Amino acid sequence: MPIPLHWRRRLVRGYDQAWLLAVHACAAGGLPSPRSLLRRIRGAPAQSKLSAAARRENLRGAFTVRDPCDVAGRTIVLVDDVVTTGATLAAAALPLRAAGAIAVYGVALARAGGFV
């Protein structure tokens, strides 16, 4: 499942890179297309210049589960483009676990250096 962009950021960019990665990964693995189980309920400033602590604070409460019934009892794999500190994956995992996900794993296409 892709880490969702805030709708405003997607509108500006014109695409959602995590969604595209998840779609292609599922297709390559013979899996059904990913579903949006999370919703980004508040935008956050770009994180590229923030410290690890500031990134965590920046994302506090940024995600919510669309329908807890779709999450309860499931193992979820989150897909993102780049992981630096893991703050985005951690912030997205919290509401999924609270909604009853058995386990939440994160995968990313790339890892940025200097923070992890």
N, C-alpha and C. Protein backbone atom coordinates (compact mmCIF):
# COMPACT_ATOMS: atom_id res chain seq x y z
N MET A 1 0.84 -1.16 0.00
CA MET A 1 0.00 0.00 0.00
C MET A 1 0.89 1.24 0.00
N PRO A 2 0.67 2.16 -0.91
CA PRO A 2 1.51 3.35 -0.98
C PRO A 2 1.26 4.33 0.17
N ILE A 3 2.32 5.02 0.57
CA ILE A 3 2.18 6.13 1.50
C ILE A 3 1.45 7.24 0.73
N PRO A 4 0.31 7.70 1.21
CA PRO A 4 -0.45 8.69 0.43
C PRO A 4 0.15 10.09 0.52
N LEU A 5 0.07 10.79 -0.58
CA LEU A 5 0.40 12.22 -0.61
C LEU A 5 -0.83 13.00 -0.17
N HIS A 6 -0.61 14.18 0.37
CA HIS A 6 -1.74 15.08 0.61
C HIS A 6 -2.29 15.49 -0.75
N TRP A 7 -3.60 15.67 -0.84
CA TRP A 7 -4.21 15.96 -2.14
C TRP A 7 -3.65 17.22 -2.79
N ARG A 8 -3.29 18.22 -2.00
CA ARG A 8 -2.74 19.45 -2.58
C ARG A 8 -1.39 19.19 -3.24
N ARG A 9 -0.54 18.40 -2.57
CA ARG A 9 0.78 18.11 -3.13
C ARG A 9 0.65 17.28 -4.41
N ARG A 10 -0.30 16.35 -4.41
CA ARG A 10 -0.51 15.55 -5.62
C ARG A 10 -0.99 16.44 -6.77
N LEU A 11 -1.86 17.37 -6.46
CA LEU A 11 -2.37 18.29 -7.49
C LEU A 11 -1.24 19.11 -8.10
N VAL A 12 -0.34 19.60 -7.25
CA VAL A 12 0.80 20.40 -7.73
C VAL A 12 1.74 19.55 -8.58
N ARG A 13 2.08 18.35 -8.09
CA ARG A 13 3.00 17.47 -8.81
C ARG A 13 2.39 16.86 -10.06
N GLY A 14 1.14 16.53 -9.96
CA GLY A 14 0.48 15.87 -11.08
C GLY A 14 0.59 14.36 -11.04
N TYR A 15 1.24 13.81 -10.05
CA TYR A 15 1.37 12.36 -9.90
C TYR A 15 1.73 12.04 -8.46
N ASP A 16 1.64 10.76 -8.11
CA ASP A 16 1.98 10.28 -6.77
C ASP A 16 3.00 9.16 -6.95
N GLN A 17 4.26 9.47 -6.67
CA GLN A 17 5.34 8.52 -6.94
C GLN A 17 5.21 7.23 -6.13
N ALA A 18 4.77 7.28 -4.90
CA ALA A 18 4.62 6.06 -4.10
C ALA A 18 3.51 5.18 -4.68
N TRP A 19 2.45 5.80 -5.16
CA TRP A 19 1.37 5.04 -5.79
C TRP A 19 1.89 4.32 -7.04
N LEU A 20 2.65 5.04 -7.87
CA LEU A 20 3.20 4.43 -9.09
C LEU A 20 4.13 3.26 -8.74
N LEU A 21 4.97 3.44 -7.74
CA LEU A 21 5.86 2.34 -7.31
C LEU A 21 5.06 1.14 -6.85
N ALA A 22 4.03 1.37 -6.05
CA ALA A 22 3.22 0.27 -5.53
C ALA A 22 2.48 -0.46 -6.65
N VAL A 23 1.95 0.28 -7.60
CA VAL A 23 1.23 -0.34 -8.72
C VAL A 23 2.17 -1.24 -9.51
N HIS A 24 3.36 -0.74 -9.82
CA HIS A 24 4.31 -1.53 -10.62
C HIS A 24 4.88 -2.71 -9.83
N ALA A 25 5.10 -2.53 -8.54
CA ALA A 25 5.59 -3.64 -7.71
C ALA A 25 4.54 -4.75 -7.64
N CYS A 26 3.29 -4.37 -7.46
CA CYS A 26 2.22 -5.38 -7.42
C CYS A 26 2.10 -6.11 -8.75
N ALA A 27 2.16 -5.36 -9.85
CA ALA A 27 2.06 -5.98 -11.17
C ALA A 27 3.22 -6.95 -11.41
N ALA A 28 4.43 -6.55 -11.02
CA ALA A 28 5.60 -7.42 -11.21
C ALA A 28 5.51 -8.68 -10.37
N GLY A 29 4.89 -8.57 -9.21
CA GLY A 29 4.76 -9.72 -8.32
C GLY A 29 3.49 -10.52 -8.51
N GLY A 30 2.69 -10.14 -9.51
CA GLY A 30 1.44 -10.85 -9.76
C GLY A 30 0.40 -10.64 -8.68
N LEU A 31 0.48 -9.52 -7.99
CA LEU A 31 -0.46 -9.21 -6.91
C LEU A 31 -1.54 -8.26 -7.41
N PRO A 32 -2.69 -8.22 -6.74
CA PRO A 32 -3.72 -7.25 -7.15
C PRO A 32 -3.23 -5.82 -6.91
N SER A 33 -3.83 -4.90 -7.62
CA SER A 33 -3.46 -3.48 -7.46
C SER A 33 -3.62 -3.05 -6.02
N PRO A 34 -2.75 -2.14 -5.56
CA PRO A 34 -2.82 -1.70 -4.17
C PRO A 34 -4.07 -0.88 -3.90
N ARG A 35 -4.49 -0.90 -2.65
CA ARG A 35 -5.64 -0.11 -2.21
C ARG A 35 -5.15 1.00 -1.30
N SER A 36 -5.87 2.09 -1.30
CA SER A 36 -5.55 3.20 -0.41
C SER A 36 -6.25 2.99 0.92
N LEU A 37 -5.57 2.39 1.86
CA LEU A 37 -6.15 2.14 3.17
C LEU A 37 -5.97 3.34 4.10
N LEU A 38 -5.01 4.20 3.76
CA LEU A 38 -4.72 5.39 4.56
C LEU A 38 -5.14 6.64 3.81
N ARG A 39 -5.38 7.68 4.58
CA ARG A 39 -5.64 9.01 4.01
C ARG A 39 -4.74 9.98 4.74
N ARG A 40 -4.12 10.87 3.99
CA ARG A 40 -3.30 11.91 4.61
C ARG A 40 -4.24 13.06 4.93
N ILE A 41 -4.45 13.31 6.23
CA ILE A 41 -5.48 14.28 6.62
C ILE A 41 -4.93 15.68 6.83
N ARG A 42 -3.63 15.80 6.86
CA ARG A 42 -3.08 17.15 6.92
C ARG A 42 -1.77 17.17 6.17
N GLY A 43 -1.58 18.24 5.45
CA GLY A 43 -0.33 18.41 4.72
C GLY A 43 0.79 18.72 5.69
N ALA A 44 1.99 18.49 5.25
CA ALA A 44 3.16 18.78 6.07
C ALA A 44 4.19 19.46 5.18
N PRO A 45 4.92 20.41 5.74
CA PRO A 45 5.98 21.04 4.94
C PRO A 45 6.99 19.99 4.47
N ALA A 46 7.70 20.30 3.41
CA ALA A 46 8.73 19.39 2.91
C ALA A 46 9.71 19.05 4.03
N GLN A 47 10.13 17.80 4.07
CA GLN A 47 10.95 17.33 5.18
C GLN A 47 12.44 17.30 4.87
N SER A 48 12.82 17.61 3.64
CA SER A 48 14.20 17.40 3.22
C SER A 48 15.23 18.15 4.06
N LYS A 49 14.87 19.25 4.66
CA LYS A 49 15.83 20.04 5.45
C LYS A 49 15.64 19.88 6.96
N LEU A 50 14.76 18.98 7.38
CA LEU A 50 14.44 18.84 8.81
C LEU A 50 15.29 17.76 9.48
N SER A 51 15.51 17.93 10.77
CA SER A 51 16.18 16.90 11.57
C SER A 51 15.23 15.72 11.78
N ALA A 52 15.76 14.63 12.30
CA ALA A 52 14.93 13.44 12.54
C ALA A 52 13.79 13.76 13.51
N ALA A 53 14.08 14.49 14.59
CA ALA A 53 13.04 14.83 15.57
C ALA A 53 11.99 15.75 14.94
N ALA A 54 12.43 16.71 14.14
CA ALA A 54 11.49 17.62 13.49
C ALA A 54 10.62 16.89 12.47
N ARG A 55 11.19 15.89 11.81
CA ARG A 55 10.41 15.09 10.86
C ARG A 55 9.30 14.33 11.58
N ARG A 56 9.63 13.72 12.72
CA ARG A 56 8.61 12.99 13.48
C ARG A 56 7.48 13.92 13.92
N GLU A 57 7.84 15.08 14.42
CA GLU A 57 6.83 16.05 14.87
C GLU A 57 6.00 16.57 13.69
N ASN A 58 6.65 16.78 12.57
CA ASN A 58 6.02 17.28 11.36
C ASN A 58 4.90 16.35 10.88
N LEU A 59 5.05 15.05 11.14
CA LEU A 59 4.09 14.06 10.64
C LEU A 59 3.12 13.55 11.70
N ARG A 60 3.23 14.06 12.92
CA ARG A 60 2.34 13.60 13.99
C ARG A 60 0.88 13.84 13.59
N GLY A 61 0.08 12.78 13.58
CA GLY A 61 -1.33 12.89 13.25
C GLY A 61 -1.64 13.17 11.79
N ALA A 62 -0.69 12.93 10.90
CA ALA A 62 -0.89 13.25 9.48
C ALA A 62 -1.72 12.22 8.74
N PHE A 63 -1.83 10.99 9.28
CA PHE A 63 -2.51 9.91 8.57
C PHE A 63 -3.68 9.36 9.39
N THR A 64 -4.70 8.89 8.68
CA THR A 64 -5.82 8.20 9.31
C THR A 64 -6.21 7.01 8.43
N VAL A 65 -6.79 6.01 9.04
CA VAL A 65 -7.25 4.83 8.31
C VAL A 65 -8.62 5.12 7.71
N ARG A 66 -8.79 4.80 6.44
CA ARG A 66 -10.07 5.05 5.76
C ARG A 66 -11.18 4.19 6.35
N ASP A 67 -10.95 2.88 6.45
CA ASP A 67 -11.96 1.97 6.99
C ASP A 67 -11.26 0.91 7.82
N PRO A 68 -11.37 0.98 9.15
CA PRO A 68 -10.68 0.02 10.02
C PRO A 68 -10.99 -1.44 9.70
N CYS A 69 -12.16 -1.72 9.14
CA CYS A 69 -12.51 -3.10 8.78
C CYS A 69 -11.59 -3.66 7.70
N ASP A 70 -11.04 -2.78 6.86
CA ASP A 70 -10.12 -3.22 5.81
C ASP A 70 -8.73 -3.52 6.34
N VAL A 71 -8.45 -3.10 7.56
CA VAL A 71 -7.10 -3.22 8.14
C VAL A 71 -7.02 -4.31 9.20
N ALA A 72 -8.05 -4.45 9.99
CA ALA A 72 -8.03 -5.37 11.14
C ALA A 72 -7.67 -6.79 10.71
N GLY A 73 -6.69 -7.36 11.41
CA GLY A 73 -6.28 -8.73 11.17
C GLY A 73 -5.39 -8.94 9.96
N ARG A 74 -4.94 -7.88 9.32
CA ARG A 74 -4.13 -8.01 8.11
C ARG A 74 -2.68 -7.61 8.35
N THR A 75 -1.82 -8.10 7.49
CA THR A 75 -0.43 -7.66 7.42
C THR A 75 -0.36 -6.65 6.28
N ILE A 76 0.19 -5.49 6.57
CA ILE A 76 0.23 -4.38 5.61
C ILE A 76 1.68 -4.10 5.22
N VAL A 77 1.92 -3.88 3.93
CA VAL A 77 3.23 -3.46 3.44
C VAL A 77 3.08 -2.05 2.89
N LEU A 78 3.77 -1.10 3.51
CA LEU A 78 3.76 0.30 3.07
C LEU A 78 4.86 0.50 2.03
N VAL A 79 4.57 1.26 0.99
CA VAL A 79 5.54 1.54 -0.07
C VAL A 79 5.78 3.04 -0.13
N ASP A 80 7.07 3.43 -0.13
CA ASP A 80 7.43 4.83 -0.26
C ASP A 80 8.58 4.94 -1.25
N ASP A 81 8.84 6.15 -1.72
CA ASP A 81 9.92 6.33 -2.69
C ASP A 81 11.29 6.35 -2.02
N VAL A 82 11.44 7.17 -0.99
CA VAL A 82 12.72 7.31 -0.31
C VAL A 82 12.51 7.26 1.19
N VAL A 83 13.39 6.56 1.89
CA VAL A 83 13.37 6.58 3.35
C VAL A 83 14.66 7.27 3.81
N THR A 84 14.51 8.21 4.72
CA THR A 84 15.67 8.90 5.27
C THR A 84 15.78 8.54 6.75
N THR A 85 14.82 8.97 7.54
CA THR A 85 14.83 8.64 8.97
C THR A 85 13.81 7.57 9.32
N GLY A 86 12.89 7.29 8.43
CA GLY A 86 11.82 6.35 8.72
C GLY A 86 10.61 7.00 9.36
N ALA A 87 10.63 8.33 9.50
CA ALA A 87 9.54 9.05 10.17
C ALA A 87 8.21 8.89 9.44
N THR A 88 8.22 8.94 8.13
CA THR A 88 6.97 8.82 7.38
C THR A 88 6.39 7.42 7.53
N LEU A 89 7.22 6.40 7.38
CA LEU A 89 6.74 5.02 7.54
C LEU A 89 6.21 4.80 8.94
N ALA A 90 6.91 5.32 9.95
CA ALA A 90 6.47 5.15 11.34
C ALA A 90 5.14 5.86 11.58
N ALA A 91 5.00 7.08 11.06
CA ALA A 91 3.76 7.84 11.25
C ALA A 91 2.58 7.16 10.55
N ALA A 92 2.83 6.55 9.40
CA ALA A 92 1.77 5.85 8.68
C ALA A 92 1.41 4.53 9.35
N ALA A 93 2.39 3.90 9.98
CA ALA A 93 2.15 2.60 10.63
C ALA A 93 1.29 2.74 11.89
N LEU A 94 1.41 3.85 12.60
CA LEU A 94 0.69 4.01 13.87
C LEU A 94 -0.82 3.83 13.73
N PRO A 95 -1.50 4.55 12.85
CA PRO A 95 -2.95 4.35 12.75
C PRO A 95 -3.33 2.97 12.21
N LEU A 96 -2.47 2.37 11.40
CA LEU A 96 -2.74 1.02 10.90
C LEU A 96 -2.71 0.01 12.05
N ARG A 97 -1.70 0.13 12.91
CA ARG A 97 -1.62 -0.77 14.07
C ARG A 97 -2.79 -0.53 15.02
N ALA A 98 -3.14 0.75 15.21
CA ALA A 98 -4.26 1.08 16.10
C ALA A 98 -5.58 0.53 15.55
N ALA A 99 -5.68 0.39 14.23
CA ALA A 99 -6.90 -0.14 13.61
C ALA A 99 -6.91 -1.67 13.57
N GLY A 100 -5.85 -2.29 14.11
CA GLY A 100 -5.85 -3.74 14.22
C GLY A 100 -4.99 -4.51 13.25
N ALA A 101 -4.12 -3.82 12.50
CA ALA A 101 -3.20 -4.55 11.61
C ALA A 101 -2.32 -5.46 12.46
N ILE A 102 -2.11 -6.68 11.99
CA ILE A 102 -1.26 -7.64 12.71
C ILE A 102 0.19 -7.18 12.67
N ALA A 103 0.63 -6.76 11.50
CA ALA A 103 2.00 -6.28 11.32
C ALA A 103 2.00 -5.24 10.21
N VAL A 104 2.94 -4.31 10.29
CA VAL A 104 3.10 -3.30 9.25
C VAL A 104 4.58 -3.25 8.89
N TYR A 105 4.87 -3.47 7.61
CA TYR A 105 6.23 -3.43 7.10
C TYR A 105 6.36 -2.25 6.15
N GLY A 106 7.56 -1.74 6.00
CA GLY A 106 7.80 -0.64 5.09
C GLY A 106 8.89 -0.99 4.10
N VAL A 107 8.68 -0.63 2.84
CA VAL A 107 9.70 -0.78 1.81
C VAL A 107 9.81 0.54 1.06
N ALA A 108 11.03 0.81 0.58
CA ALA A 108 11.26 2.04 -0.17
C ALA A 108 12.20 1.73 -1.33
N LEU A 109 12.09 2.51 -2.37
CA LEU A 109 12.95 2.35 -3.53
C LEU A 109 14.38 2.75 -3.21
N ALA A 110 14.55 3.78 -2.39
CA ALA A 110 15.89 4.30 -2.10
C ALA A 110 16.01 4.70 -0.64
N ARG A 111 17.25 4.78 -0.20
CA ARG A 111 17.55 5.24 1.16
C ARG A 111 18.48 6.43 1.05
N ALA A 112 18.10 7.54 1.66
CA ALA A 112 18.94 8.73 1.67
C ALA A 112 19.96 8.60 2.79
N GLY A 113 21.14 9.10 2.59
CA GLY A 113 22.20 8.98 3.60
C GLY A 113 22.20 10.15 4.56
N GLY A 114 22.95 9.97 5.63
CA GLY A 114 23.19 11.06 6.56
C GLY A 114 22.29 11.12 7.77
N PHE A 115 21.17 10.42 7.78
CA PHE A 115 20.26 10.53 8.91
C PHE A 115 20.05 9.21 9.65
N VAL A 116 20.12 8.09 8.97
CA VAL A 116 19.78 6.81 9.57
C VAL A 116 20.94 6.25 10.36
